[in-house]
């Protein structure tokens, strides 16, 4: 009886080892450098886990709080992955001297090959100190992005 239970547990563990994959996107262009990625389960709606990322806005001064941003699970606000598209929306807010700044990265891609996705990114950066009109409009940077999924 123990042999059957152990064998069933081994089979169960082996099948879950193949029950996840990953998504990732990266860019290194004249405006920004970023690398984001997460694990993705197969089944249960495909939730992500262990989302991480780093972003650097090259035009921002060294030491500026918006120049470098680190992302974690809670910053991945939306994602979509099917055989045709990979879409990510990543948002992070920062408080500086009772004022809020934000970075929002939107990635829209289409499948170009099996497991490969190419498209555009839009990075919306809101800098409260630079918003002299107080209109709340962010500065936008755009470019090409390559992503992958397995």
Protein backbone atom coordinates (compact mmCIF):
# COMPACT_ATOMS: atom_id res chain seq x y z
CA UNK A 1 0.00 0.00 0.00
CA UNK A 2 2.86 2.39 0.83
CA UNK A 3 4.37 1.71 -2.58
CA UNK A 4 1.17 2.76 -4.34
CA UNK A 5 0.85 5.96 -2.29
CA UNK A 6 4.53 6.86 -2.85
CA UNK A 7 4.23 6.17 -6.56
CA UNK A 8 1.09 8.33 -6.76
CA UNK A 9 2.89 11.15 -4.93
CA UNK A 10 5.87 10.91 -7.27
CA UNK A 11 3.63 11.07 -10.34
CA UNK A 12 1.75 14.01 -8.88
CA UNK A 13 4.99 15.87 -8.13
CA UNK A 14 6.42 15.13 -11.57
CA UNK A 15 3.35 16.45 -13.33
CA UNK A 16 3.37 19.71 -11.34
CA UNK A 17 7.00 20.27 -12.25
CA UNK A 18 5.88 20.72 -15.85
CA UNK A 19 2.79 22.71 -14.87
CA UNK A 20 4.47 26.08 -15.05
CA UNK A 21 6.36 28.21 -17.51
CA UNK A 22 7.45 31.80 -17.73
CA UNK A 23 7.07 35.13 -19.47
CA UNK A 24 9.74 37.79 -19.97
CA UNK A 25 10.29 41.04 -21.85
CA UNK A 26 13.36 43.19 -22.24
CA UNK A 27 14.48 46.38 -23.92
CA UNK A 28 17.73 48.29 -24.17
CA UNK A 29 17.16 51.29 -26.43
CA UNK A 30 18.20 54.95 -26.30
CA UNK A 31 15.42 55.91 -23.85
CA UNK A 32 15.15 53.02 -21.40
CA UNK A 33 16.47 49.69 -20.27
CA UNK A 34 14.11 47.21 -18.70
CA UNK A 35 13.83 43.54 -17.98
CA UNK A 36 10.62 42.05 -16.53
CA UNK A 37 9.51 38.47 -16.05
CA UNK A 38 7.33 36.07 -14.09
CA UNK A 39 6.47 32.45 -13.69
CA UNK A 40 3.10 31.40 -15.13
CA UNK A 41 1.07 28.38 -14.11
CA UNK A 42 -0.63 26.21 -16.68
CA UNK A 43 -4.25 25.91 -15.64
CA UNK A 44 -6.31 27.72 -12.99
CA UNK A 45 -6.53 30.72 -15.33
CA UNK A 46 -2.74 30.95 -15.72
CA UNK A 47 -1.88 33.21 -12.76
CA UNK A 48 1.61 34.63 -12.51
CA UNK A 49 4.03 34.20 -9.64
CA UNK A 50 7.35 35.75 -8.64
CA UNK A 51 6.99 38.75 -10.98
CA UNK A 52 10.18 40.83 -10.92
CA UNK A 53 11.64 43.59 -13.00
CA UNK A 54 14.11 46.44 -13.26
CA UNK A 55 13.67 49.66 -15.22
CA UNK A 56 16.10 52.47 -15.91
CA UNK A 57 15.09 55.70 -17.63
CA UNK A 58 18.32 56.86 -19.24
CA UNK A 59 17.38 60.55 -19.62
CA UNK A 60 16.69 61.03 -15.89
CA UNK A 61 19.56 62.45 -13.82
CA UNK A 62 21.66 60.07 -11.72
CA UNK A 63 20.25 60.02 -8.19
CA UNK A 64 16.73 60.93 -9.35
CA UNK A 65 14.20 58.63 -7.67
CA UNK A 66 12.44 57.95 -10.98
CA UNK A 67 15.61 56.99 -12.87
CA UNK A 68 15.62 53.41 -11.55
CA UNK A 69 12.56 51.41 -10.54
CA UNK A 70 12.32 47.87 -9.25
CA UNK A 71 9.10 45.95 -9.79
CA UNK A 72 7.65 43.06 -7.76
CA UNK A 73 4.50 40.92 -7.75
CA UNK A 74 2.15 43.66 -6.59
CA UNK A 75 3.20 45.94 -9.48
CA UNK A 76 1.91 43.63 -12.23
CA UNK A 77 -1.61 45.02 -12.43
CA UNK A 78 -2.79 43.19 -15.57
CA UNK A 79 -1.53 40.55 -17.95
CA UNK A 80 -2.84 38.60 -20.92
CA UNK A 81 -1.21 35.62 -22.58
CA UNK A 82 -2.61 33.37 -25.26
CA UNK A 83 -1.12 31.88 -28.39
CA UNK A 84 -1.54 35.18 -30.23
CA UNK A 85 -0.72 37.99 -27.78
CA UNK A 86 1.21 38.85 -24.64
CA UNK A 87 0.16 42.00 -22.82
CA UNK A 88 1.47 43.39 -19.54
CA UNK A 89 0.60 46.44 -17.49
CA UNK A 90 3.02 47.28 -14.68
CA UNK A 91 2.45 50.19 -12.29
CA UNK A 92 4.50 51.56 -9.40
CA UNK A 93 3.86 54.62 -7.30
CA UNK A 94 6.48 56.42 -5.21
CA UNK A 95 5.91 58.98 -2.50
CA UNK A 96 8.46 61.78 -2.22
CA UNK A 97 7.89 64.61 0.30
CA UNK A 98 4.10 64.06 0.45
CA UNK A 99 3.86 64.06 -3.35
CA UNK A 100 3.27 61.03 -5.54
CA UNK A 101 5.25 60.05 -8.61
CA UNK A 102 4.43 57.05 -10.77
CA UNK A 103 5.76 54.80 -13.48
CA UNK A 104 3.40 52.79 -15.69
CA UNK A 105 4.79 50.34 -18.23
CA UNK A 106 2.39 48.95 -20.84
CA UNK A 107 3.58 46.19 -23.16
CA UNK A 108 1.49 45.10 -26.16
CA UNK A 109 2.87 42.30 -28.35
CA UNK A 110 1.78 39.76 -30.93
CA UNK A 111 3.24 36.32 -31.53
CA UNK A 112 5.97 36.35 -34.17
CA UNK A 113 7.05 32.74 -33.72
CA UNK A 114 6.36 29.97 -31.24
CA UNK A 115 7.10 31.44 -27.81
CA UNK A 116 8.31 34.76 -29.25
CA UNK A 117 6.34 38.01 -29.09
CA UNK A 118 7.22 41.37 -30.64
CA UNK A 119 5.49 44.72 -30.25
CA UNK A 120 5.52 48.09 -28.54
CA UNK A 121 5.98 49.42 -25.05
CA UNK A 122 4.69 52.68 -23.62
CA UNK A 123 6.24 54.06 -20.46
CA UNK A 124 4.21 56.79 -18.74
CA UNK A 125 6.21 58.67 -16.10
CA UNK A 126 4.50 61.12 -13.79
CA UNK A 127 6.87 63.45 -11.94
CA UNK A 128 4.93 65.65 -9.52
CA UNK A 129 7.82 68.12 -9.13
CA UNK A 130 8.06 68.63 -12.91
CA UNK A 131 4.28 69.03 -13.33
CA UNK A 132 4.28 72.84 -13.20
CA UNK A 133 0.85 73.05 -14.87
CA UNK A 134 -0.54 70.55 -12.33
CA UNK A 135 -2.47 68.91 -15.17
CA UNK A 136 -1.49 65.40 -14.04
CA UNK A 137 -0.29 64.39 -17.50
CA UNK A 138 2.65 61.98 -17.57
CA UNK A 139 5.60 62.07 -19.93
CA UNK A 140 5.44 59.14 -22.35
CA UNK A 141 8.26 57.15 -23.89
CA UNK A 142 7.61 54.48 -26.52
CA UNK A 143 9.61 51.89 -28.37
CA UNK A 144 9.88 48.33 -29.62
CA UNK A 145 9.92 45.38 -27.26
CA UNK A 146 10.69 41.66 -27.56
CA UNK A 147 9.14 39.13 -25.21
CA UNK A 148 9.07 35.41 -24.75
CA UNK A 149 6.86 32.78 -23.16
CA UNK A 150 7.21 29.11 -22.44
